[in-house]
Amino acid sequence: CGTAAPTRPIRVVWRRWRRGCGITCVRRVATGRRPTAEETGVLVRSLGKLRADFAARPEEAAAYLKAGASPVDANLPPVELAAAMGVASMILSLDETVTKN
């Protein structure tokens, strides 16, 4: 019971991400607006690079996922999840996100 609660938000975000809402939804929630086509392109390219990097080194994906406070659901694909988390981290680090009123 103690580990089930922290993984629930990860699963909810993951379902949205897999339905194609991922980058747009995360960006919109973080900044309060939809990303422009240029911004989306940068994030999509970054996601592709992260996927390729983590696919080439799955042990790094596993290590990246262990860095968070919440346990990761073992049923989620680690390479894809690590890439998605990398892009989400990029979005959360934007000045626009940090200074949002």
Protein backbone atom coordinates (compact mmCIF):
# COMPACT_ATOMS: atom_id res chain seq x y z
CA CYS A 1 0.00 0.00 0.00
CA GLY A 2 2.86 2.40 0.79
CA THR A 3 4.29 2.33 -2.74
CA ALA A 4 1.03 2.33 -4.69
CA ALA A 5 0.05 5.95 -4.06
CA PRO A 6 3.24 7.61 -5.39
CA THR A 7 3.12 5.63 -8.65
CA ARG A 8 -0.48 6.60 -9.44
CA PRO A 9 0.37 10.13 -10.69
CA ILE A 10 3.11 8.68 -12.87
CA ARG A 11 0.63 6.25 -14.43
CA VAL A 12 -1.93 9.03 -15.03
CA VAL A 13 0.63 11.26 -16.74
CA TRP A 14 1.95 8.27 -18.66
CA ARG A 15 -1.53 7.41 -20.03
CA ARG A 16 -1.95 10.98 -21.27
CA TRP A 17 1.54 10.97 -22.75
CA ARG A 18 0.88 7.73 -24.63
CA ARG A 19 -2.39 9.06 -26.05
CA GLY A 20 -0.41 11.75 -27.86
CA CYS A 21 -1.16 14.57 -25.47
CA GLY A 22 2.30 14.41 -23.85
CA ILE A 23 4.41 17.36 -24.88
CA THR A 24 1.47 19.68 -25.55
CA CYS A 25 -0.31 18.85 -22.28
CA VAL A 26 2.79 19.01 -20.10
CA ARG A 27 3.86 22.31 -21.70
CA ARG A 28 0.37 23.80 -21.37
CA VAL A 29 -0.03 22.78 -17.72
CA ALA A 30 3.45 24.05 -16.86
CA THR A 31 3.25 27.43 -18.59
CA GLY A 32 -0.46 28.15 -18.98
CA ARG A 33 -0.36 28.18 -22.79
CA ARG A 34 -0.02 25.81 -25.71
CA PRO A 35 3.46 25.56 -27.22
CA THR A 36 4.11 27.14 -30.59
CA ALA A 37 4.95 24.91 -33.55
CA GLU A 38 8.61 25.85 -33.17
CA GLU A 39 8.62 25.01 -29.44
CA THR A 40 6.88 21.72 -30.11
CA GLY A 41 9.44 20.88 -32.78
CA VAL A 42 12.33 21.48 -30.38
CA LEU A 43 10.72 19.27 -27.73
CA VAL A 44 9.82 16.51 -30.22
CA ARG A 45 13.41 16.44 -31.51
CA SER A 46 14.70 16.34 -27.94
CA LEU A 47 12.35 13.45 -27.16
CA GLY A 48 13.65 11.55 -30.20
CA LYS A 49 17.26 12.09 -29.17
CA LEU A 50 16.56 11.00 -25.59
CA ARG A 51 14.74 7.89 -26.84
CA ALA A 52 17.70 6.95 -29.02
CA ASP A 53 20.23 7.66 -26.27
CA PHE A 54 18.33 5.67 -23.64
CA ALA A 55 17.62 2.82 -26.10
CA ALA A 56 21.36 2.54 -26.76
CA ARG A 57 22.07 2.53 -23.02
CA PRO A 58 19.06 1.08 -21.16
CA GLU A 59 21.05 0.95 -17.91
CA GLU A 60 21.19 4.76 -18.01
CA ALA A 61 17.42 4.91 -18.45
CA ALA A 62 16.99 2.71 -15.38
CA ALA A 63 19.41 4.88 -13.37
CA TYR A 64 17.64 8.06 -14.50
CA LEU A 65 14.30 6.68 -13.35
CA LYS A 66 15.70 5.81 -9.92
CA ALA A 67 16.64 9.46 -9.29
CA GLY A 68 13.06 10.47 -8.43
CA ALA A 69 11.38 10.27 -5.04
CA SER A 70 8.53 8.08 -6.29
CA PRO A 71 8.97 4.45 -7.24
CA VAL A 72 8.40 3.69 -10.92
CA ASP A 73 5.81 1.16 -12.03
CA ALA A 74 7.78 -1.82 -13.36
CA ASN A 75 5.10 -2.32 -16.05
CA LEU A 76 6.03 0.95 -17.79
CA PRO A 77 8.70 0.80 -20.52
CA PRO A 78 11.82 2.33 -18.94
CA VAL A 79 13.40 3.75 -22.12
CA GLU A 80 10.24 5.56 -23.21
CA LEU A 81 9.42 6.70 -19.68
CA ALA A 82 12.94 8.04 -19.12
CA ALA A 83 12.79 9.96 -22.41
CA ALA A 84 9.38 11.41 -21.51
CA MET A 85 10.63 12.37 -18.05
CA GLY A 86 13.65 14.05 -19.64
CA VAL A 87 11.42 16.23 -21.80
CA ALA A 88 9.12 16.97 -18.86
CA SER A 89 12.18 18.03 -16.87
CA MET A 90 13.21 20.36 -19.69
CA ILE A 91 9.75 21.94 -19.68
CA LEU A 92 9.75 22.36 -15.91
CA SER A 93 13.16 24.08 -16.11
CA LEU A 94 12.01 26.78 -18.55
CA ASP A 95 12.12 30.36 -17.26
CA GLU A 96 8.51 30.68 -18.41
CA THR A 97 7.50 27.80 -16.17
CA VAL A 98 9.47 28.99 -13.14
CA THR A 99 8.11 32.56 -13.34
CA LYS A 100 4.48 31.68 -14.22
CA ASN A 101 2.01 33.74 -12.17
